[in-house]
Amino acid sequence: MPSAKGASQSMILWQSDGILLISGTVSVYNSTSSTEAITIEIVGAVTNIFTMFPGNTISYTGKDLQSVSIANIQHNPSLYLEGKYCCQFTCCL
């Protein structure tokens, strides 16, 4: 289904099952090949939003992690995003 002009969407990189308490570290890299900055939203005990320009990495350590996503991805045919992410979690039973 095509997006409306100017509309944005999100892409979930990781999401908790909601049952286990998850703590850990998330690192996200926005490649120098990307044409724009990306917005990363990390939802946990608190919600954190980071804007990352091409060539940069963010790392976040938190508790009660629920999801990691790229937010506000614009529908733009000339947009190119490339990067990597790594999650290291501890499960609390």
PDB file of N, CA and C in Angstrom:
ATOM      1  N   MET A   1       0.850  -1.173   0.000  1.00  0.00           N
ATOM      2  CA  MET A   1       0.000   0.000   0.000  1.00  0.00           C
ATOM      3  C   MET A   1       0.896   1.237   0.000  1.00  0.00           C
ATOM      4  N   PRO A   2       0.744   2.134  -0.964  1.00  0.00           N
ATOM      5  CA  PRO A   2       1.590   3.326  -1.021  1.00  0.00           C
ATOM      6  C   PRO A   2       1.304   4.281   0.124  1.00  0.00           C
ATOM      7  N   SER A   3       2.344   4.954   0.572  1.00  0.00           N
ATOM      8  CA  SER A   3       2.197   5.945   1.641  1.00  0.00           C
ATOM      9  C   SER A   3       1.730   7.267   1.051  1.00  0.00           C
ATOM     10  N   ALA A   4       1.015   8.021   1.856  1.00  0.00           N
ATOM     11  CA  ALA A   4       0.595   9.359   1.437  1.00  0.00           C
ATOM     12  C   ALA A   4       1.823  10.252   1.350  1.00  0.00           C
ATOM     13  N   LYS A   5       1.783  11.210   0.450  1.00  0.00           N
ATOM     14  CA  LYS A   5       2.920  12.116   0.288  1.00  0.00           C
ATOM     15  C   LYS A   5       3.194  12.843   1.604  1.00  0.00           C
ATOM     16  N   GLY A   6       4.453  12.841   2.015  1.00  0.00           N
ATOM     17  CA  GLY A   6       4.831  13.511   3.247  1.00  0.00           C
ATOM     18  C   GLY A   6       4.628  12.651   4.486  1.00  0.00           C
ATOM     19  N   ALA A   7       4.028  11.458   4.320  1.00  0.00           N
ATOM     20  CA  ALA A   7       3.789  10.586   5.465  1.00  0.00           C
ATOM     21  C   ALA A   7       5.100   9.939   5.893  1.00  0.00           C
ATOM     22  N   SER A   8       5.161   9.528   7.137  1.00  0.00           N
ATOM     23  CA  SER A   8       6.349   8.844   7.629  1.00  0.00           C
ATOM     24  C   SER A   8       5.936   7.525   8.257  1.00  0.00           C
ATOM     25  N   GLN A   9       6.895   6.646   8.389  1.00  0.00           N
ATOM     26  CA  GLN A   9       6.635   5.361   9.010  1.00  0.00           C
ATOM     27  C   GLN A   9       7.798   5.005   9.918  1.00  0.00           C
ATOM     28  N   SER A  10       7.625   3.954  10.700  1.00  0.00           N
ATOM     29  CA  SER A  10       8.673   3.481  11.596  1.00  0.00           C
ATOM     30  C   SER A  10       9.055   2.058  11.214  1.00  0.00           C
ATOM     31  N   MET A  11      10.263   1.669  11.597  1.00  0.00           N
ATOM     32  CA  MET A  11      10.713   0.299  11.384  1.00  0.00           C
ATOM     33  C   MET A  11      11.239  -0.235  12.711  1.00  0.00           C
ATOM     34  N   ILE A  12      10.612  -1.283  13.210  1.00  0.00           N
ATOM     35  CA  ILE A  12      11.028  -1.880  14.478  1.00  0.00           C
ATOM     36  C   ILE A  12      12.268  -2.733  14.237  1.00  0.00           C
ATOM     37  N   LEU A  13      13.330  -2.440  14.978  1.00  0.00           N
ATOM     38  CA  LEU A  13      14.552  -3.240  14.909  1.00  0.00           C
ATOM     39  C   LEU A  13      14.492  -4.398  15.892  1.00  0.00           C
ATOM     40  N   TRP A  14      13.899  -4.163  17.057  1.00  0.00           N
ATOM     41  CA  TRP A  14      13.762  -5.191  18.087  1.00  0.00           C
ATOM     42  C   TRP A  14      12.578  -4.831  18.967  1.00  0.00           C
ATOM     43  N   GLN A  15      11.862  -5.873  19.432  1.00  0.00           N
ATOM     44  CA  GLN A  15      10.738  -5.646  20.335  1.00  0.00           C
ATOM     45  C   GLN A  15      10.670  -6.784  21.346  1.00  0.00           C
ATOM     46  N   SER A  16      10.479  -6.445  22.603  1.00  0.00           N
ATOM     47  CA  SER A  16      10.366  -7.419  23.682  1.00  0.00           C
ATOM     48  C   SER A  16       9.062  -8.193  23.556  1.00  0.00           C
ATOM     49  N   ASP A  17       9.049  -9.389  24.138  1.00  0.00           N
ATOM     50  CA  ASP A  17       7.804 -10.158  24.170  1.00  0.00           C
ATOM     51  C   ASP A  17       6.854  -9.637  25.247  1.00  0.00           C
ATOM     52  N   GLY A  18       7.341  -8.705  26.074  1.00  0.00           N
ATOM     53  CA  GLY A  18       6.499  -8.104  27.101  1.00  0.00           C
ATOM     54  C   GLY A  18       6.360  -8.937  28.360  1.00  0.00           C
ATOM     55  N   ILE A  19       6.961 -10.118  28.371  1.00  0.00           N
ATOM     56  CA  ILE A  19       6.840 -11.005  29.528  1.00  0.00           C
ATOM     57  C   ILE A  19       8.066 -10.883  30.432  1.00  0.00           C
ATOM     58  N   LEU A  20       9.250 -10.940  29.826  1.00  0.00           N
ATOM     59  CA  LEU A  20      10.494 -10.891  30.587  1.00  0.00           C
ATOM     60  C   LEU A  20      10.981  -9.459  30.762  1.00  0.00           C
ATOM     61  N   LEU A  21      11.653  -9.203  31.879  1.00  0.00           N
ATOM     62  CA  LEU A  21      12.294  -7.907  32.097  1.00  0.00           C
ATOM     63  C   LEU A  21      13.659  -7.946  31.422  1.00  0.00           C
ATOM     64  N   ILE A  22      13.877  -7.026  30.492  1.00  0.00           N
ATOM     65  CA  ILE A  22      15.092  -7.011  29.686  1.00  0.00           C
ATOM     66  C   ILE A  22      15.909  -5.758  30.005  1.00  0.00           C
ATOM     67  N   SER A  23      17.188  -5.959  30.314  1.00  0.00           N
ATOM     68  CA  SER A  23      18.140  -4.857  30.469  1.00  0.00           C
ATOM     69  C   SER A  23      19.272  -5.104  29.491  1.00  0.00           C
ATOM     70  N   GLY A  24      19.933  -4.032  29.074  1.00  0.00           N
ATOM     71  CA  GLY A  24      21.051  -4.246  28.172  1.00  0.00           C
ATOM     72  C   GLY A  24      21.506  -2.999  27.459  1.00  0.00           C
ATOM     73  N   THR A  25      22.342  -3.230  26.440  1.00  0.00           N
ATOM     74  CA  THR A  25      22.930  -2.154  25.655  1.00  0.00           C
ATOM     75  C   THR A  25      22.544  -2.308  24.193  1.00  0.00           C
ATOM     76  N   VAL A  26      22.175  -1.196  23.581  1.00  0.00           N
ATOM     77  CA  VAL A  26      21.822  -1.143  22.163  1.00  0.00           C
ATOM     78  C   VAL A  26      22.772  -0.157  21.497  1.00  0.00           C
ATOM     79  N   SER A  27      23.396  -0.566  20.403  1.00  0.00           N
ATOM     80  CA  SER A  27      24.244   0.327  19.607  1.00  0.00           C
ATOM     81  C   SER A  27      23.701   0.364  18.189  1.00  0.00           C
ATOM     82  N   VAL A  28      23.623   1.562  17.612  1.00  0.00           N
ATOM     83  CA  VAL A  28      23.119   1.732  16.248  1.00  0.00           C
ATOM     84  C   VAL A  28      24.094   2.622  15.490  1.00  0.00           C
ATOM     85  N   TYR A  29      24.444   2.197  14.277  1.00  0.00           N
ATOM     86  CA  TYR A  29      25.361   2.934  13.406  1.00  0.00           C
ATOM     87  C   TYR A  29      24.608   3.378  12.160  1.00  0.00           C
ATOM     88  N   ASN A  30      24.701   4.653  11.810  1.00  0.00           N
ATOM     89  CA  ASN A  30      24.135   5.193  10.574  1.00  0.00           C
ATOM     90  C   ASN A  30      25.302   5.367   9.603  1.00  0.00           C
ATOM     91  N   SER A  31      25.295   4.591   8.524  1.00  0.00           N
ATOM     92  CA  SER A  31      26.410   4.557   7.579  1.00  0.00           C
ATOM     93  C   SER A  31      26.658   5.906   6.907  1.00  0.00           C
ATOM     94  N   THR A  32      27.898   6.108   6.486  1.00  0.00           N
ATOM     95  CA  THR A  32      28.240   7.310   5.717  1.00  0.00           C
ATOM     96  C   THR A  32      27.557   7.291   4.354  1.00  0.00           C
ATOM     97  N   SER A  33      27.056   6.132   3.928  1.00  0.00           N
ATOM     98  CA  SER A  33      26.334   6.020   2.652  1.00  0.00           C
ATOM     99  C   SER A  33      24.900   6.538   2.745  1.00  0.00           C
ATOM    100  N   SER A  34      24.368   6.670   3.966  1.00  0.00           N
ATOM    101  CA  SER A  34      22.994   7.162   4.140  1.00  0.00           C
ATOM    102  C   SER A  34      22.890   8.599   3.649  1.00  0.00           C
ATOM    103  N   THR A  35      21.730   8.941   3.098  1.00  0.00           N
ATOM    104  CA  THR A  35      21.547  10.293   2.567  1.00  0.00           C
ATOM    105  C   THR A  35      20.995  11.263   3.600  1.00  0.00           C
ATOM    106  N   GLU A  36      20.515  10.755   4.746  1.00  0.00           N
ATOM    107  CA  GLU A  36      19.934  11.626   5.774  1.00  0.00           C
ATOM    108  C   GLU A  36      20.206  11.077   7.166  1.00  0.00           C
ATOM    109  N   ALA A  37      19.945  11.923   8.152  1.00  0.00           N
ATOM    110  CA  ALA A  37      19.995  11.501   9.549  1.00  0.00           C
ATOM    111  C   ALA A  37      18.830  10.553   9.813  1.00  0.00           C
ATOM    112  N   ILE A  38      18.984   9.720  10.839  1.00  0.00           N
ATOM    113  CA  ILE A  38      17.883   8.856  11.256  1.00  0.00           C
ATOM    114  C   ILE A  38      17.524   9.181  12.695  1.00  0.00           C
ATOM    115  N   THR A  39      16.290   8.878  13.044  1.00  0.00           N
ATOM    116  CA  THR A  39      15.807   9.069  14.407  1.00  0.00           C
ATOM    117  C   THR A  39      15.608   7.696  15.027  1.00  0.00           C
ATOM    118  N   ILE A  40      16.302   7.434  16.127  1.00  0.00           N
ATOM    119  CA  ILE A  40      16.199   6.162  16.830  1.00  0.00           C
ATOM    120  C   ILE A  40      15.379   6.380  18.093  1.00  0.00           C
ATOM    121  N   GLU A  41      14.376   5.532  18.299  1.00  0.00           N
ATOM    122  CA  GLU A  41      13.553   5.591  19.508  1.00  0.00           C
ATOM    123  C   GLU A  41      13.774   4.307  20.300  1.00  0.00           C
ATOM    124  N   ILE A  42      14.231   4.460  21.538  1.00  0.00           N
ATOM    125  CA  ILE A  42      14.447   3.330  22.431  1.00  0.00           C
ATOM    126  C   ILE A  42      13.472   3.480  23.589  1.00  0.00           C
ATOM    127  N   VAL A  43      12.561   2.514  23.697  1.00  0.00           N
ATOM    128  CA  VAL A  43      11.534   2.552  24.739  1.00  0.00           C
ATOM    129  C   VAL A  43      11.922   1.555  25.821  1.00  0.00           C
ATOM    130  N   GLY A  44      11.984   2.037  27.049  1.00  0.00           N
ATOM    131  CA  GLY A  44      12.306   1.202  28.192  1.00  0.00           C
ATOM    132  C   GLY A  44      11.662   1.803  29.424  1.00  0.00           C
ATOM    133  N   ALA A  45      12.389   1.786  30.552  1.00  0.00           N
ATOM    134  CA  ALA A  45      11.890   2.434  31.761  1.00  0.00           C
ATOM    135  C   ALA A  45      11.586   3.897  31.455  1.00  0.00           C
ATOM    136  N   VAL A  46      12.355   4.471  30.540  1.00  0.00           N
ATOM    137  CA  VAL A  46      12.092   5.803  29.981  1.00  0.00           C
ATOM    138  C   VAL A  46      12.217   5.685  28.469  1.00  0.00           C
ATOM    139  N   THR A  47      11.628   6.627  27.738  1.00  0.00           N
ATOM    140  CA  THR A  47      11.743   6.651  26.279  1.00  0.00           C
ATOM    141  C   THR A  47      12.811   7.658  25.888  1.00  0.00           C
ATOM    142  N   ASN A  48      13.738   7.216  25.047  1.00  0.00           N
ATOM    143  CA  ASN A  48      14.818   8.081  24.574  1.00  0.00           C
ATOM    144  C   ASN A  48      14.763   8.164  23.066  1.00  0.00           C
ATOM    145  N   ILE A  49      14.949   9.375  22.541  1.00  0.00           N
ATOM    146  CA  ILE A  49      14.946   9.600  21.104  1.00  0.00           C
ATOM    147  C   ILE A  49      16.272  10.255  20.733  1.00  0.00           C
ATOM    148  N   PHE A  50      16.965   9.650  19.759  1.00  0.00           N
ATOM    149  CA  PHE A  50      18.269  10.134  19.316  1.00  0.00           C
ATOM    150  C   PHE A  50      18.214  10.439  17.828  1.00  0.00           C
ATOM    151  N   THR A  51      18.818  11.548  17.401  1.00  0.00           N
ATOM    152  CA  THR A  51      18.979  11.854  15.985  1.00  0.00           C
ATOM    153  C   THR A  51      20.432  11.580  15.634  1.00  0.00           C
ATOM    154  N   MET A  52      20.641  10.734  14.634  1.00  0.00           N
ATOM    155  CA  MET A  52      21.989  10.329  14.245  1.00  0.00           C
ATOM    156  C   MET A  52      22.265  10.707  12.807  1.00  0.00           C
ATOM    157  N   PHE A  53      23.308  11.461  12.602  1.00  0.00           N
ATOM    158  CA  PHE A  53      23.705  11.852  11.256  1.00  0.00           C
ATOM    159  C   PHE A  53      24.576  10.753  10.646  1.00  0.00           C
ATOM    160  N   PRO A  54      24.656  10.693   9.320  1.00  0.00           N
ATOM    161  CA  PRO A  54      25.477   9.667   8.668  1.00  0.00           C
ATOM    162  C   PRO A  54      26.906   9.654   9.218  1.00  0.00           C
ATOM    163  N   GLY A  55      27.418   8.433   9.435  1.00  0.00           N
ATOM    164  CA  GLY A  55      28.775   8.262   9.943  1.00  0.00           C
ATOM    165  C   GLY A  55      28.876   8.217  11.452  1.00  0.00           C
ATOM    166  N   ASN A  56      27.741   8.253  12.156  1.00  0.00           N
ATOM    167  CA  ASN A  56      27.760   8.279  13.618  1.00  0.00           C
ATOM    168  C   ASN A  56      27.120   7.036  14.217  1.00  0.00           C
ATOM    169  N   THR A  57      27.511   6.766  15.472  1.00  0.00           N
ATOM    170  CA  THR A  57      26.998   5.632  16.237  1.00  0.00           C
ATOM    171  C   THR A  57      26.475   6.140  17.573  1.00  0.00           C
ATOM    172  N   ILE A  58      25.369   5.556  18.038  1.00  0.00           N
ATOM    173  CA  ILE A  58      24.913   5.818  19.406  1.00  0.00           C
ATOM    174  C   ILE A  58      24.912   4.491  20.150  1.00  0.00           C
ATOM    175  N   SER A  59      25.165   4.557  21.441  1.00  0.00           N
ATOM    176  CA  SER A  59      25.035   3.399  22.315  1.00  0.00           C
ATOM    177  C   SER A  59      24.210   3.832  23.508  1.00  0.00           C
ATOM    178  N   TYR A  60      23.302   2.957  23.916  1.00  0.00           N
ATOM    179  CA  TYR A  60      22.416   3.261  25.036  1.00  0.00           C
ATOM    180  C   TYR A  60      22.329   2.026  25.920  1.00  0.00           C
ATOM    181  N   THR A  61      22.468   2.219  27.220  1.00  0.00           N
ATOM    182  CA  THR A  61      22.297   1.137  28.185  1.00  0.00           C
ATOM    183  C   THR A  61      21.124   1.493  29.081  1.00  0.00           C
ATOM    184  N   GLY A  62      20.180   0.559  29.221  1.00  0.00           N
ATOM    185  CA  GLY A  62      18.999   0.838  30.027  1.00  0.00           C
ATOM    186  C   GLY A  62      18.364  -0.421  30.574  1.00  0.00           C
ATOM    187  N   LYS A  63      17.292  -0.226  31.324  1.00  0.00           N
ATOM    188  CA  LYS A  63      16.579  -1.359  31.914  1.00  0.00           C
ATOM    189  C   LYS A  63      15.123  -1.337  31.474  1.00  0.00           C
ATOM    190  N   ASP A  64      14.456  -2.456  31.689  1.00  0.00           N
ATOM    191  CA  ASP A  64      13.054  -2.636  31.286  1.00  0.00           C
ATOM    192  C   ASP A  64      12.856  -2.273  29.813  1.00  0.00           C
ATOM    193  N   LEU A  65      13.795  -2.676  28.962  1.00  0.00           N
ATOM    194  CA  LEU A  65      13.734  -2.332  27.541  1.00  0.00           C
ATOM    195  C   LEU A  65      12.544  -3.017  26.872  1.00  0.00           C
ATOM    196  N   GLN A  66      11.841  -2.260  26.031  1.00  0.00           N
ATOM    197  CA  GLN A  66      10.651  -2.774  25.353  1.00  0.00           C
ATOM    198  C   GLN A  66      10.797  -2.794  23.843  1.00  0.00           C
ATOM    199  N   SER A  67      11.448  -1.785  23.259  1.00  0.00           N
ATOM    200  CA  SER A  67      11.599  -1.773  21.801  1.00  0.00           C
ATOM    201  C   SER A  67      12.684  -0.797  21.360  1.00  0.00           C
ATOM    202  N   VAL A  68      13.188  -1.074  20.153  1.00  0.00           N
ATOM    203  CA  VAL A  68      14.141  -0.196  19.477  1.00  0.00           C
ATOM    204  C   VAL A  68      13.630  -0.037  18.057  1.00  0.00           C
ATOM    205  N   SER A  69      13.480   1.199  17.603  1.00  0.00           N
ATOM    206  CA  SER A  69      12.965   1.405  16.247  1.00  0.00           C
ATOM    207  C   SER A  69      13.574   2.644  15.606  1.00  0.00           C
ATOM    208  N   ILE A  70      13.523   2.647  14.263  1.00  0.00           N
ATOM    209  CA  ILE A  70      13.857   3.840  13.497  1.00  0.00           C
ATOM    210  C   ILE A  70      12.535   4.556  13.280  1.00  0.00           C
ATOM    211  N   ALA A  71      12.431   5.788  13.729  1.00  0.00           N
ATOM    212  CA  ALA A  71      11.170   6.536  13.666  1.00  0.00           C
ATOM    213  C   ALA A  71      11.217   7.583  12.558  1.00  0.00           C
ATOM    214  N   ASN A  72      10.050   7.995  12.147  1.00  0.00           N
ATOM    215  CA  ASN A  72       9.887   9.103  11.188  1.00  0.00           C
ATOM    216  C   ASN A  72      10.649   8.905   9.879  1.00  0.00           C
ATOM    217  N   ILE A  73      10.549   7.715   9.294  1.00  0.00           N
ATOM    218  CA  ILE A  73      11.167   7.470   7.989  1.00  0.00           C
ATOM    219  C   ILE A  73      10.257   8.089   6.938  1.00  0.00           C
ATOM    220  N   GLN A  74      10.772   9.066   6.235  1.00  0.00           N
ATOM    221  CA  GLN A  74       9.980   9.788   5.238  1.00  0.00           C
ATOM    222  C   GLN A  74       9.827   8.974   3.954  1.00  0.00           C
ATOM    223  N   HIS A  75       8.650   9.074   3.346  1.00  0.00           N
ATOM    224  CA  HIS A  75       8.416   8.439   2.045  1.00  0.00           C
ATOM    225  C   HIS A  75       9.026   9.346   0.987  1.00  0.00           C
ATOM    226  N   ASN A  76      10.239   8.986   0.554  1.00  0.00           N
ATOM    227  CA  ASN A  76      10.992   9.816  -0.382  1.00  0.00           C
ATOM    228  C   ASN A  76      11.826   8.881  -1.255  1.00  0.00           C
ATOM    229  N   PRO A  77      11.553   8.825  -2.563  1.00  0.00           N
ATOM    230  CA  PRO A  77      12.272   7.893  -3.430  1.00  0.00           C
ATOM    231  C   PRO A  77      13.788   8.104  -3.468  1.00  0.00           C
ATOM    232  N   SER A  78      14.262   9.299  -3.135  1.00  0.00           N
ATOM    233  CA  SER A  78      15.707   9.542  -3.162  1.00  0.00           C
ATOM    234  C   SER A  78      16.373   9.255  -1.811  1.00  0.00           C
ATOM    235  N   LEU A  79      15.587   8.852  -0.803  1.00  0.00           N
ATOM    236  CA  LEU A  79      16.127   8.543   0.523  1.00  0.00           C
ATOM    237  C   LEU A  79      16.830   7.187   0.494  1.00  0.00           C
ATOM    238  N   TYR A  80      18.029   7.151   1.046  1.00  0.00           N
ATOM    239  CA  TYR A  80      18.770   5.896   1.169  1.00  0.00           C
ATOM    240  C   TYR A  80      19.310   5.813   2.586  1.00  0.00           C
ATOM    241  N   LEU A  81      18.960   4.738   3.300  1.00  0.00           N
ATOM    242  CA  LEU A  81      19.439   4.526   4.661  1.00  0.00           C
ATOM    243  C   LEU A  81      20.174   3.199   4.728  1.00  0.00           C
ATOM    244  N   GLU A  82      21.322   3.222   5.382  1.00  0.00           N
ATOM    245  CA  GLU A  82      22.117   2.008   5.561  1.00  0.00           C
ATOM    246  C   GLU A  82      22.762   2.091   6.929  1.00  0.00           C
ATOM    247  N   GLY A  83      22.848   0.971   7.618  1.00  0.00           N
ATOM    248  CA  GLY A  83      23.490   0.973   8.915  1.00  0.00           C
ATOM    249  C   GLY A  83      23.518  -0.403   9.530  1.00  0.00           C
ATOM    250  N   LYS A  84      23.916  -0.444  10.784  1.00  0.00           N
ATOM    251  CA  LYS A  84      23.996  -1.699  11.524  1.00  0.00           C
ATOM    252  C   LYS A  84      23.517  -1.441  12.941  1.00  0.00           C
ATOM    253  N   TYR A  85      23.056  -2.505  13.584  1.00  0.00           N
ATOM    254  CA  TYR A  85      22.713  -2.378  14.992  1.00  0.00           C
ATOM    255  C   TYR A  85      23.108  -3.650  15.725  1.00  0.00           C
ATOM    256  N   CYS A  86      23.365  -3.498  17.017  1.00  0.00           N
ATOM    257  CA  CYS A  86      23.766  -4.617  17.861  1.00  0.00           C
ATOM    258  C   CYS A  86      23.062  -4.467  19.203  1.00  0.00           C
ATOM    259  N   CYS A  87      22.488  -5.553  19.681  1.00  0.00           N
ATOM    260  CA  CYS A  87      21.806  -5.550  20.976  1.00  0.00           C
ATOM    261  C   CYS A  87      22.438  -6.619  21.860  1.00  0.00           C
ATOM    262  N   GLN A  88      22.744  -6.255  23.090  1.00  0.00           N
ATOM    263  CA  GLN A  88      23.248  -7.212  24.066  1.00  0.00           C
ATOM    264  C   GLN A  88      22.352  -7.103  25.287  1.00  0.00           C
ATOM    265  N   PHE A  89      21.599  -8.170  25.567  1.00  0.00           N
ATOM    266  CA  PHE A  89      20.574  -8.111  26.599  1.00  0.00           C
ATOM    267  C   PHE A  89      20.835  -9.092  27.728  1.00  0.00           C
ATOM    268  N   THR A  90      20.288  -8.740  28.884  1.00  0.00           N
ATOM    269  CA  THR A  90      20.246  -9.617  30.039  1.00  0.00           C
ATOM    270  C   THR A  90      18.787  -9.802  30.403  1.00  0.00           C
ATOM    271  N   CYS A  91      18.401 -11.044  30.589  1.00  0.00           N
ATOM    272  CA  CYS A  91      17.013 -11.367  30.929  1.00  0.00           C
ATOM    273  C   CYS A  91      16.923 -11.572  32.434  1.00  0.00           C
ATOM    274  N   CYS A  92      15.982 -10.907  33.069  1.00  0.00           N
ATOM    275  CA  CYS A  92      15.796 -11.023  34.512  1.00  0.00           C
ATOM    276  C   CYS A  92      14.572 -11.893  34.789  1.00  0.00           C
ATOM    277  N   LEU A  93      14.794 -13.069  35.356  1.00  0.00           N
ATOM    278  CA  LEU A  93      13.685 -13.990  35.651  1.00  0.00           C
ATOM    279  C   LEU A  93      13.151 -13.783  37.039  1.00  0.00           C
TER     280      LEU A  93
END
